[in-house]
Amino acid sequence: EEYYRRPDLQITGRTIIGKNAPRGQEMCDHYMAPLSSATPALACMQEIQEECWNMGIPLKTRHREVAPNQFEFAPLFGPNTSQIDQNVMVMQIIEEVAPRHGLAALLQEKPFNDVNGSGKHNNWSIATGDGTQLLLPKAINAATGNELAFPIIMAAIVAALDDHGDLLRMSIASPGNDFRLGACEAPPAIVSTYLGDDMTFYLEHLKDGKGTGEYIPGVKTLDLGVDEIMPFEVPAEDRNRTSPFPYGGARFEFRAVGSSQNVSMVNTVLNTITAEKFGEFADRMDAGEDPLDVAKDALNKHWRVIFNGDNYDEAMQEMLTERGVWRIDSGVEAIRTLSSEKNINLFEKMGVMSKEECEARETVLHEHYTGTVEMEALTLIDMINQHIIPSVKSSEVGPLADLEAAVVSLKDAVAAIHAADGAYEAAKLARVLRLETMMDIREHCDAAEAVVPANMWTLATYKELMFLDTHVGPAIEEIYE
């Protein structure tokens, strides 16, 4: 019901305006609480899981997330191509099932301001045809009979990340990630990798010639202190949740992917850059170079991309930028790299995409970005004209002149986008409109909401939209019937 009082949610999937509610995610109360039958969310998630199970898609986990009304599913691992298809199917099922429970599913990356947005954790690993895991040191070393197999593989992946961090940034350049990358729920747009102190120490000694031998991950014993559960071993190090690409034991986790994205491009990039680097390593070994020397050379050249610290720390971000790690803050500019000479050569060399296909995809992505922003701008014009200005006039409070001027600014900006010379130029103007002009206008709209009496404000508020537990439920007569 409240959803249909928000044209922006209906048209764009996010709230373009909206004053913050007095309560947000400060207490972590939503994150830490169990799913409850007090709201429709649990029944909705149960039906989603059942629908997915009927289609052969096992959703292993369901739980609350940090932001109010935010929830998470986690599927089981599977082959790359089938998991990508299943991920798209799950998104469709979520959107179809939610209305049956009186809910609207918002898959956009940042539907509400100043609370956590949504993303996907793209867990990526590699295995041989018979299932031997390349990123599990014990497994791959045993299968090859070579204790250096694992560090050589890791050296190749580190080199691939450093060479092609621009492509990884391109692969996550969805419109919704404009508002999410670098906030407290997603890593910044700097493509580094976390390997953990144990592996970093091991690889550093390997590259510097200070030691060799097999890498054995550290473990620790976890004792819960209850008789019913025996102490058990867990990895000594957890993954770094501020890193865009941390190693988590047996896999890397690309944590910066947007929640609305089709992850095909993400995995195409990961597989292509890794395959290219494996090929380069193999060619050098076939030409007579010692495999260990190849790995040491790669680690020495590309060591800068390894960072185990806090990626949210601005001082560390500056340090990584000065170090030369790929950093592209603008999603529009990140998309532009798809047609760079380096990347066209890569995709053509690996037989993945031609020059024309790279350029076509860049155009499509820029047009998608611009189209998204234009819909948001036109929706904001309607909301100001049809809701906010009438509320301000009838209540005789609020920044009326600023709101009327905002409509003119929005129309002029949309006209400039239409007049732009090409998809890239239009997308650059759209980014300015979205992240500068519309953000300034939002302040006027939210200022109006703050002073207009509640009974004269016609749009659903954050307070009404974000808290199922306080605004949705059976009537008191039904509870005590």
Foldseek 3Di string as FASTA:
>chain_A
DQCVLAPCCVQQLAHLFFADDPDWLVVQVQQPDFDDPQFLVVVLVVVLQVVLVVVVWHFPDKGTHRTFPHIDTHTDDDDDVVVLVSLVVSVVSSQVSQVVRVGGDRLFQHRDPPHGGDFDWDWDFDADPVGQTLQAQVRVCVVVVHLCSNLLLVLLLLLLCQVPVLLLLLLQLALRLLRHDLPPQHAHQFAFEEEDPQVVVQSVCLLVVNDDGHRDFAWDWDDPPDPVDDIDIDGPDAWDSNHQWYDGHSTIIRRSHGRPDSNPSNVVSSVLSSVVSVVVLVVVVVVPDDSSNVSSVSCVVRVLRYDNDHSSDVVVVVVSVVSPTDGDSHNLVSLVCLLDPVNQCSCVVSVNDHNVRSVVVSQVSLVNSLVSLLSSLVSLLCCLVPFLLVLCVVQVDADNVLSVVLSVVSVVLNVVLVVDDGSSRSSVSSVCCSPPSSVVNSVRSNRSVVPRDPVSGSRNHCVQRRHSSVNPRDDPVVVVD
